[in-house]
Amino acid sequence: MALTFFKTPKNKQYNYKPVYWNKEKEERDKRLKSAFEDTSKDYSEALRERMELRWRRNSGNRARRDSKLRFFGVLAAIFFLFYYIFLR
């Protein structure tokens, strides 16, 4: 039997389980649930939820389109600036 004065610390253990979140599946499930449940909600609230879901889906597309337009606008401005400076 060995005589020790200091205890060596043990490795720490974590119970971390990563969570995968699928945004599209969650939205699809929400739409299916609202389609099959009772129509006890009033029409304006259901319409508001549908419009909000559409707005969220389309907001990313609009941002990408605006970004592309801005890029090509800046590129055209640089082209015309070089044309004016060097070819005139």
PDB file of N, CA and C in Angstrom:
ATOM      1  N   MET A   1       0.842  -1.163   0.000  1.00  0.00           N
ATOM      2  CA  MET A   1       0.000   0.000   0.000  1.00  0.00           C
ATOM      3  C   MET A   1       0.895   1.237   0.000  1.00  0.00           C
ATOM      4  N   ALA A   2       0.606   2.131  -0.983  1.00  0.00           N
ATOM      5  CA  ALA A   2       1.418   3.332  -1.118  1.00  0.00           C
ATOM      6  C   ALA A   2       0.833   4.442  -0.266  1.00  0.00           C
ATOM      7  N   LEU A   3       1.672   5.185   0.346  1.00  0.00           N
ATOM      8  CA  LEU A   3       1.249   6.298   1.175  1.00  0.00           C
ATOM      9  C   LEU A   3       1.340   7.580   0.342  1.00  0.00           C
ATOM     10  N   THR A   4       0.216   8.292   0.142  1.00  0.00           N
ATOM     11  CA  THR A   4       0.210   9.524  -0.649  1.00  0.00           C
ATOM     12  C   THR A   4      -0.257  10.680   0.220  1.00  0.00           C
ATOM     13  N   PHE A   5       0.363  11.836  -0.003  1.00  0.00           N
ATOM     14  CA  PHE A   5      -0.022  13.024   0.744  1.00  0.00           C
ATOM     15  C   PHE A   5      -0.968  13.928  -0.042  1.00  0.00           C
ATOM     16  N   PHE A   6      -0.909  13.823  -1.372  1.00  0.00           N
ATOM     17  CA  PHE A   6      -1.742  14.672  -2.233  1.00  0.00           C
ATOM     18  C   PHE A   6      -2.597  13.793  -3.134  1.00  0.00           C
ATOM     19  N   LYS A   7      -3.837  14.173  -3.284  1.00  0.00           N
ATOM     20  CA  LYS A   7      -4.715  13.452  -4.196  1.00  0.00           C
ATOM     21  C   LYS A   7      -4.631  14.097  -5.574  1.00  0.00           C
ATOM     22  N   THR A   8      -4.531  13.296  -6.601  1.00  0.00           N
ATOM     23  CA  THR A   8      -4.531  13.843  -7.960  1.00  0.00           C
ATOM     24  C   THR A   8      -5.975  14.036  -8.402  1.00  0.00           C
ATOM     25  N   PRO A   9      -6.268  15.169  -9.018  1.00  0.00           N
ATOM     26  CA  PRO A   9      -7.652  15.413  -9.432  1.00  0.00           C
ATOM     27  C   PRO A   9      -8.067  14.489 -10.581  1.00  0.00           C
ATOM     28  N   LYS A  10      -9.317  14.102 -10.558  1.00  0.00           N
ATOM     29  CA  LYS A  10      -9.838  13.246 -11.620  1.00  0.00           C
ATOM     30  C   LYS A  10     -10.320  14.116 -12.776  1.00  0.00           C
ATOM     31  N   ASN A  11     -10.433  13.503 -13.927  1.00  0.00           N
ATOM     32  CA  ASN A  11     -10.918  14.223 -15.102  1.00  0.00           C
ATOM     33  C   ASN A  11     -12.363  14.650 -14.896  1.00  0.00           C
ATOM     34  N   LYS A  12     -12.659  15.849 -15.380  1.00  0.00           N
ATOM     35  CA  LYS A  12     -14.040  16.333 -15.275  1.00  0.00           C
ATOM     36  C   LYS A  12     -14.868  15.701 -16.380  1.00  0.00           C
ATOM     37  N   GLN A  13     -16.080  15.367 -16.053  1.00  0.00           N
ATOM     38  CA  GLN A  13     -16.981  14.762 -17.030  1.00  0.00           C
ATOM     39  C   GLN A  13     -18.186  15.657 -17.200  1.00  0.00           C
ATOM     40  N   TYR A  14     -18.571  15.837 -18.455  1.00  0.00           N
ATOM     41  CA  TYR A  14     -19.719  16.675 -18.777  1.00  0.00           C
ATOM     42  C   TYR A  14     -20.777  15.830 -19.458  1.00  0.00           C
ATOM     43  N   ASN A  15     -21.991  16.142 -19.201  1.00  0.00           N
ATOM     44  CA  ASN A  15     -23.108  15.441 -19.840  1.00  0.00           C
ATOM     45  C   ASN A  15     -23.725  16.310 -20.915  1.00  0.00           C
ATOM     46  N   TYR A  16     -22.895  16.874 -21.775  1.00  0.00           N
ATOM     47  CA  TYR A  16     -23.380  17.772 -22.832  1.00  0.00           C
ATOM     48  C   TYR A  16     -23.873  16.957 -24.014  1.00  0.00           C
ATOM     49  N   LYS A  17     -25.093  17.203 -24.407  1.00  0.00           N
ATOM     50  CA  LYS A  17     -25.657  16.555 -25.590  1.00  0.00           C
ATOM     51  C   LYS A  17     -26.066  17.660 -26.557  1.00  0.00           C
ATOM     52  N   PRO A  18     -25.389  17.771 -27.703  1.00  0.00           N
ATOM     53  CA  PRO A  18     -25.732  18.846 -28.643  1.00  0.00           C
ATOM     54  C   PRO A  18     -27.145  18.670 -29.188  1.00  0.00           C
ATOM     55  N   VAL A  19     -27.806  19.784 -29.403  1.00  0.00           N
ATOM     56  CA  VAL A  19     -29.179  19.782 -29.894  1.00  0.00           C
ATOM     57  C   VAL A  19     -29.184  20.317 -31.313  1.00  0.00           C
ATOM     58  N   TYR A  20     -29.812  19.576 -32.224  1.00  0.00           N
ATOM     59  CA  TYR A  20     -29.929  20.008 -33.606  1.00  0.00           C
ATOM     60  C   TYR A  20     -31.299  20.623 -33.786  1.00  0.00           C
ATOM     61  N   TRP A  21     -31.337  21.824 -34.321  1.00  0.00           N
ATOM     62  CA  TRP A  21     -32.594  22.539 -34.510  1.00  0.00           C
ATOM     63  C   TRP A  21     -32.820  22.748 -35.992  1.00  0.00           C
ATOM     64  N   ASN A  22     -33.907  22.220 -36.504  1.00  0.00           N
ATOM     65  CA  ASN A  22     -34.249  22.360 -37.909  1.00  0.00           C
ATOM     66  C   ASN A  22     -35.387  23.367 -38.010  1.00  0.00           C
ATOM     67  N   LYS A  23     -35.052  24.569 -38.434  1.00  0.00           N
ATOM     68  CA  LYS A  23     -36.018  25.663 -38.470  1.00  0.00           C
ATOM     69  C   LYS A  23     -37.153  25.371 -39.455  1.00  0.00           C
ATOM     70  N   GLU A  24     -36.800  24.848 -40.638  1.00  0.00           N
ATOM     71  CA  GLU A  24     -37.828  24.582 -41.652  1.00  0.00           C
ATOM     72  C   GLU A  24     -38.815  23.526 -41.172  1.00  0.00           C
ATOM     73  N   LYS A  25     -38.299  22.470 -40.515  1.00  0.00           N
ATOM     74  CA  LYS A  25     -39.187  21.419 -40.026  1.00  0.00           C
ATOM     75  C   LYS A  25     -40.110  21.962 -38.943  1.00  0.00           C
ATOM     76  N   GLU A  26     -39.590  22.809 -38.080  1.00  0.00           N
ATOM     77  CA  GLU A  26     -40.415  23.378 -37.020  1.00  0.00           C
ATOM     78  C   GLU A  26     -41.533  24.243 -37.602  1.00  0.00           C
ATOM     79  N   GLU A  27     -41.215  25.048 -38.616  1.00  0.00           N
ATOM     80  CA  GLU A  27     -42.246  25.875 -39.248  1.00  0.00           C
ATOM     81  C   GLU A  27     -43.276  25.012 -39.963  1.00  0.00           C
ATOM     82  N   ARG A  28     -42.819  23.952 -40.644  1.00  0.00           N
ATOM     83  CA  ARG A  28     -43.740  23.055 -41.346  1.00  0.00           C
ATOM     84  C   ARG A  28     -44.678  22.372 -40.355  1.00  0.00           C
ATOM     85  N   ASP A  29     -44.120  21.898 -39.229  1.00  0.00           N
ATOM     86  CA  ASP A  29     -44.957  21.262 -38.215  1.00  0.00           C
ATOM     87  C   ASP A  29     -45.972  22.241 -37.632  1.00  0.00           C
ATOM     88  N   LYS A  30     -45.554  23.481 -37.456  1.00  0.00           N
ATOM     89  CA  LYS A  30     -46.479  24.492 -36.921  1.00  0.00           C
ATOM     90  C   LYS A  30     -47.624  24.744 -37.904  1.00  0.00           C
ATOM     91  N   ARG A  31     -47.296  24.805 -39.203  1.00  0.00           N
ATOM     92  CA  ARG A  31     -48.350  25.009 -40.207  1.00  0.00           C
ATOM     93  C   ARG A  31     -49.304  23.827 -40.257  1.00  0.00           C
ATOM     94  N   LEU A  32     -48.756  22.606 -40.194  1.00  0.00           N
ATOM     95  CA  LEU A  32     -49.612  21.415 -40.219  1.00  0.00           C
ATOM     96  C   LEU A  32     -50.513  21.358 -38.991  1.00  0.00           C
ATOM     97  N   LYS A  33     -49.963  21.691 -37.838  1.00  0.00           N
ATOM     98  CA  LYS A  33     -50.751  21.678 -36.609  1.00  0.00           C
ATOM     99  C   LYS A  33     -51.893  22.692 -36.690  1.00  0.00           C
ATOM    100  N   SER A  34     -51.582  23.884 -37.196  1.00  0.00           N
ATOM    101  CA  SER A  34     -52.629  24.898 -37.285  1.00  0.00           C
ATOM    102  C   SER A  34     -53.668  24.534 -38.344  1.00  0.00           C
ATOM    103  N   ALA A  35     -53.277  23.769 -39.373  1.00  0.00           N
ATOM    104  CA  ALA A  35     -54.237  23.379 -40.401  1.00  0.00           C
ATOM    105  C   ALA A  35     -55.214  22.324 -39.895  1.00  0.00           C
ATOM    106  N   PHE A  36     -54.745  21.435 -39.025  1.00  0.00           N
ATOM    107  CA  PHE A  36     -55.594  20.336 -38.573  1.00  0.00           C
ATOM    108  C   PHE A  36     -56.325  20.608 -37.262  1.00  0.00           C
ATOM    109  N   GLU A  37     -55.975  21.666 -36.558  1.00  0.00           N
ATOM    110  CA  GLU A  37     -56.670  21.937 -35.301  1.00  0.00           C
ATOM    111  C   GLU A  37     -58.002  22.630 -35.575  1.00  0.00           C
ATOM    112  N   ASP A  38     -58.799  22.755 -34.541  1.00  0.00           N
ATOM    113  CA  ASP A  38     -60.107  23.398 -34.673  1.00  0.00           C
ATOM    114  C   ASP A  38     -59.955  24.830 -35.152  1.00  0.00           C
ATOM    115  N   THR A  39     -60.988  25.317 -35.768  1.00  0.00           N
ATOM    116  CA  THR A  39     -60.983  26.704 -36.236  1.00  0.00           C
ATOM    117  C   THR A  39     -61.526  27.624 -35.152  1.00  0.00           C
ATOM    118  N   SER A  40     -61.201  27.323 -33.899  1.00  0.00           N
ATOM    119  CA  SER A  40     -61.698  28.135 -32.795  1.00  0.00           C
ATOM    120  C   SER A  40     -61.013  29.499 -32.741  1.00  0.00           C
ATOM    121  N   LYS A  41     -59.808  29.611 -33.319  1.00  0.00           N
ATOM    122  CA  LYS A  41     -59.154  30.918 -33.365  1.00  0.00           C
ATOM    123  C   LYS A  41     -59.917  31.814 -34.321  1.00  0.00           C
ATOM    124  N   ASP A  42     -59.871  33.068 -34.053  1.00  0.00           N
ATOM    125  CA  ASP A  42     -60.533  33.954 -34.996  1.00  0.00           C
ATOM    126  C   ASP A  42     -59.667  34.104 -36.246  1.00  0.00           C
ATOM    127  N   TYR A  43     -60.288  34.470 -37.311  1.00  0.00           N
ATOM    128  CA  TYR A  43     -59.663  34.490 -38.630  1.00  0.00           C
ATOM    129  C   TYR A  43     -58.493  35.462 -38.698  1.00  0.00           C
ATOM    130  N   SER A  44     -58.611  36.605 -38.075  1.00  0.00           N
ATOM    131  CA  SER A  44     -57.547  37.613 -38.175  1.00  0.00           C
ATOM    132  C   SER A  44     -56.253  37.140 -37.521  1.00  0.00           C
ATOM    133  N   GLU A  45     -56.349  36.402 -36.415  1.00  0.00           N
ATOM    134  CA  GLU A  45     -55.142  35.901 -35.766  1.00  0.00           C
ATOM    135  C   GLU A  45     -54.460  34.836 -36.618  1.00  0.00           C
ATOM    136  N   ALA A  46     -55.245  33.949 -37.222  1.00  0.00           N
ATOM    137  CA  ALA A  46     -54.669  32.929 -38.093  1.00  0.00           C
ATOM    138  C   ALA A  46     -54.017  33.569 -39.312  1.00  0.00           C
ATOM    139  N   LEU A  47     -54.655  34.592 -39.855  1.00  0.00           N
ATOM    140  CA  LEU A  47     -54.096  35.296 -41.003  1.00  0.00           C
ATOM    141  C   LEU A  47     -52.788  35.984 -40.629  1.00  0.00           C
ATOM    142  N   ARG A  48     -52.736  36.564 -39.456  1.00  0.00           N
ATOM    143  CA  ARG A  48     -51.531  37.235 -38.973  1.00  0.00           C
ATOM    144  C   ARG A  48     -50.369  36.234 -38.866  1.00  0.00           C
ATOM    145  N   GLU A  49     -50.633  35.031 -38.337  1.00  0.00           N
ATOM    146  CA  GLU A  49     -49.586  34.022 -38.214  1.00  0.00           C
ATOM    147  C   GLU A  49     -49.079  33.580 -39.581  1.00  0.00           C
ATOM    148  N   ARG A  50     -49.987  33.374 -40.544  1.00  0.00           N
ATOM    149  CA  ARG A  50     -49.572  32.968 -41.892  1.00  0.00           C
ATOM    150  C   ARG A  50     -48.740  34.044 -42.556  1.00  0.00           C
ATOM    151  N   MET A  51     -49.142  35.301 -42.399  1.00  0.00           N
ATOM    152  CA  MET A  51     -48.386  36.393 -43.007  1.00  0.00           C
ATOM    153  C   MET A  51     -46.998  36.502 -42.369  1.00  0.00           C
ATOM    154  N   GLU A  52     -46.907  36.293 -41.056  1.00  0.00           N
ATOM    155  CA  GLU A  52     -45.620  36.355 -40.381  1.00  0.00           C
ATOM    156  C   GLU A  52     -44.689  35.251 -40.873  1.00  0.00           C
ATOM    157  N   LEU A  53     -45.222  34.037 -41.056  1.00  0.00           N
ATOM    158  CA  LEU A  53     -44.397  32.943 -41.563  1.00  0.00           C
ATOM    159  C   LEU A  53     -43.901  33.230 -42.977  1.00  0.00           C
ATOM    160  N   ARG A  54     -44.768  33.759 -43.828  1.00  0.00           N
ATOM    161  CA  ARG A  54     -44.352  34.101 -45.191  1.00  0.00           C
ATOM    162  C   ARG A  54     -43.291  35.190 -45.176  1.00  0.00           C
ATOM    163  N   TRP A  55     -43.465  36.178 -44.332  1.00  0.00           N
ATOM    164  CA  TRP A  55     -42.507  37.277 -44.260  1.00  0.00           C
ATOM    165  C   TRP A  55     -41.142  36.757 -43.827  1.00  0.00           C
ATOM    166  N   ARG A  56     -41.113  35.847 -42.852  1.00  0.00           N
ATOM    167  CA  ARG A  56     -39.844  35.283 -42.402  1.00  0.00           C
ATOM    168  C   ARG A  56     -39.168  34.487 -43.508  1.00  0.00           C
ATOM    169  N   ARG A  57     -39.959  33.707 -44.254  1.00  0.00           N
ATOM    170  CA  ARG A  57     -39.378  32.909 -45.335  1.00  0.00           C
ATOM    171  C   ARG A  57     -38.817  33.792 -46.435  1.00  0.00           C
ATOM    172  N   ASN A  58     -39.499  34.872 -46.772  1.00  0.00           N
ATOM    173  CA  ASN A  58     -39.094  35.701 -47.900  1.00  0.00           C
ATOM    174  C   ASN A  58     -38.081  36.780 -47.534  1.00  0.00           C
ATOM    175  N   SER A  59     -37.880  37.053 -46.263  1.00  0.00           N
ATOM    176  CA  SER A  59     -36.979  38.138 -45.889  1.00  0.00           C
ATOM    177  C   SER A  59     -35.536  37.817 -46.261  1.00  0.00           C
ATOM    178  N   GLY A  60     -35.125  36.569 -46.176  1.00  0.00           N
ATOM    179  CA  GLY A  60     -33.770  36.193 -46.559  1.00  0.00           C
ATOM    180  C   GLY A  60     -33.544  36.362 -48.052  1.00  0.00           C
ATOM    181  N   ASN A  61     -34.539  36.010 -48.856  1.00  0.00           N
ATOM    182  CA  ASN A  61     -34.412  36.157 -50.309  1.00  0.00           C
ATOM    183  C   ASN A  61     -34.271  37.624 -50.688  1.00  0.00           C
ATOM    184  N   ARG A  62     -35.029  38.467 -50.060  1.00  0.00           N
ATOM    185  CA  ARG A  62     -34.989  39.899 -50.361  1.00  0.00           C
ATOM    186  C   ARG A  62     -33.626  40.485 -49.995  1.00  0.00           C
ATOM    187  N   ALA A  63     -33.084  40.069 -48.878  1.00  0.00           N
ATOM    188  CA  ALA A  63     -31.781  40.582 -48.443  1.00  0.00           C
ATOM    189  C   ALA A  63     -30.684  40.163 -49.419  1.00  0.00           C
ATOM    190  N   ARG A  64     -30.722  38.921 -49.892  1.00  0.00           N
ATOM    191  CA  ARG A  64     -29.721  38.474 -50.863  1.00  0.00           C
ATOM    192  C   ARG A  64     -29.848  39.236 -52.167  1.00  0.00           C
ATOM    193  N   ARG A  65     -31.070  39.470 -52.616  1.00  0.00           N
ATOM    194  CA  ARG A  65     -31.285  40.198 -53.864  1.00  0.00           C
ATOM    195  C   ARG A  65     -30.767  41.633 -53.738  1.00  0.00           C
ATOM    196  N   ASP A  66     -31.064  42.283 -52.624  1.00  0.00           N
ATOM    197  CA  ASP A  66     -30.589  43.654 -52.407  1.00  0.00           C
ATOM    198  C   ASP A  66     -29.070  43.705 -52.361  1.00  0.00           C
ATOM    199  N   SER A  67     -28.458  42.692 -51.762  1.00  0.00           N
ATOM    200  CA  SER A  67     -27.008  42.647 -51.680  1.00  0.00           C
ATOM    201  C   SER A  67     -26.389  42.511 -53.068  1.00  0.00           C
ATOM    202  N   LYS A  68     -26.976  41.672 -53.895  1.00  0.00           N
ATOM    203  CA  LYS A  68     -26.464  41.502 -55.257  1.00  0.00           C
ATOM    204  C   LYS A  68     -26.613  42.790 -56.060  1.00  0.00           C
ATOM    205  N   LEU A  69     -27.756  43.455 -55.940  1.00  0.00           N
ATOM    206  CA  LEU A  69     -27.961  44.705 -56.666  1.00  0.00           C
ATOM    207  C   LEU A  69     -26.962  45.766 -56.224  1.00  0.00           C
ATOM    208  N   ARG A  70     -26.700  45.856 -54.933  1.00  0.00           N
ATOM    209  CA  ARG A  70     -25.743  46.815 -54.417  1.00  0.00           C
ATOM    210  C   ARG A  70     -24.339  46.520 -54.950  1.00  0.00           C
ATOM    211  N   PHE A  71     -23.965  45.244 -54.991  1.00  0.00           N
ATOM    212  CA  PHE A  71     -22.656  44.854 -55.497  1.00  0.00           C
ATOM    213  C   PHE A  71     -22.490  45.264 -56.964  1.00  0.00           C
ATOM    214  N   PHE A  72     -23.493  44.949 -57.794  1.00  0.00           N
ATOM    215  CA  PHE A  72     -23.387  45.298 -59.206  1.00  0.00           C
ATOM    216  C   PHE A  72     -23.455  46.804 -59.433  1.00  0.00           C
ATOM    217  N   GLY A  73     -24.159  47.518 -58.584  1.00  0.00           N
ATOM    218  CA  GLY A  73     -24.190  48.977 -58.686  1.00  0.00           C
ATOM    219  C   GLY A  73     -22.831  49.586 -58.392  1.00  0.00           C
ATOM    220  N   VAL A  74     -22.181  49.096 -57.336  1.00  0.00           N
ATOM    221  CA  VAL A  74     -20.852  49.589 -56.992  1.00  0.00           C
ATOM    222  C   VAL A  74     -19.861  49.210 -58.088  1.00  0.00           C
ATOM    223  N   LEU A  75     -19.969  48.001 -58.622  1.00  0.00           N
ATOM    224  CA  LEU A  75     -19.090  47.558 -59.697  1.00  0.00           C
ATOM    225  C   LEU A  75     -19.261  48.435 -60.935  1.00  0.00           C
ATOM    226  N   ALA A  76     -20.494  48.785 -61.283  1.00  0.00           N
ATOM    227  CA  ALA A  76     -20.749  49.651 -62.431  1.00  0.00           C
ATOM    228  C   ALA A  76     -20.193  51.054 -62.181  1.00  0.00           C
ATOM    229  N   ALA A  77     -20.331  51.562 -60.974  1.00  0.00           N
ATOM    230  CA  ALA A  77     -19.804  52.887 -60.656  1.00  0.00           C
ATOM    231  C   ALA A  77     -18.281  52.907 -60.781  1.00  0.00           C
ATOM    232  N   ILE A  78     -17.622  51.854 -60.308  1.00  0.00           N
ATOM    233  CA  ILE A  78     -16.161  51.774 -60.430  1.00  0.00           C
ATOM    234  C   ILE A  78     -15.749  51.692 -61.891  1.00  0.00           C
ATOM    235  N   PHE A  79     -16.481  50.913 -62.671  1.00  0.00           N
ATOM    236  CA  PHE A  79     -16.181  50.783 -64.098  1.00  0.00           C
ATOM    237  C   PHE A  79     -16.281  52.138 -64.806  1.00  0.00           C
ATOM    238  N   PHE A  80     -17.362  52.855 -64.566  1.00  0.00           N
ATOM    239  CA  PHE A  80     -17.535  54.158 -65.201  1.00  0.00           C
ATOM    240  C   PHE A  80     -16.497  55.177 -64.711  1.00  0.00           C
ATOM    241  N   LEU A  81     -16.103  55.088 -63.455  1.00  0.00           N
ATOM    242  CA  LEU A  81     -15.068  55.963 -62.929  1.00  0.00           C
ATOM    243  C   LEU A  81     -13.733  55.712 -63.625  1.00  0.00           C
ATOM    244  N   PHE A  82     -13.341  54.447 -63.787  1.00  0.00           N
ATOM    245  CA  PHE A  82     -12.111  54.128 -64.506  1.00  0.00           C
ATOM    246  C   PHE A  82     -12.216  54.539 -65.969  1.00  0.00           C
ATOM    247  N   TYR A  83     -13.372  54.346 -66.563  1.00  0.00           N
ATOM    248  CA  TYR A  83     -13.568  54.760 -67.961  1.00  0.00           C
ATOM    249  C   TYR A  83     -13.376  56.268 -68.088  1.00  0.00           C
ATOM    250  N   TYR A  84     -13.947  57.025 -67.187  1.00  0.00           N
ATOM    251  CA  TYR A  84     -13.854  58.489 -67.228  1.00  0.00           C
ATOM    252  C   TYR A  84     -12.418  58.967 -67.006  1.00  0.00           C
ATOM    253  N   ILE A  85     -11.701  58.308 -66.078  1.00  0.00           N
ATOM    254  CA  ILE A  85     -10.335  58.737 -65.744  1.00  0.00           C
ATOM    255  C   ILE A  85      -9.338  58.359 -66.839  1.00  0.00           C
ATOM    256  N   PHE A  86      -9.375  57.115 -67.300  1.00  0.00           N
ATOM    257  CA  PHE A  86      -8.317  56.632 -68.180  1.00  0.00           C
ATOM    258  C   PHE A  86      -8.608  56.777 -69.676  1.00  0.00           C
ATOM    259  N   LEU A  87      -9.841  56.756 -70.094  1.00  0.00           N
ATOM    260  CA  LEU A  87     -10.140  56.775 -71.526  1.00  0.00           C
ATOM    261  C   LEU A  87     -10.617  58.128 -72.034  1.00  0.00           C
ATOM    262  N   ARG A  88     -10.742  59.092 -71.201  1.00  0.00           N
ATOM    263  CA  ARG A  88     -11.171  60.404 -71.647  1.00  0.00           C
ATOM    264  C   ARG A  88     -10.046  61.307 -71.835  1.00  0.00           C
TER     265      ARG A  88
END
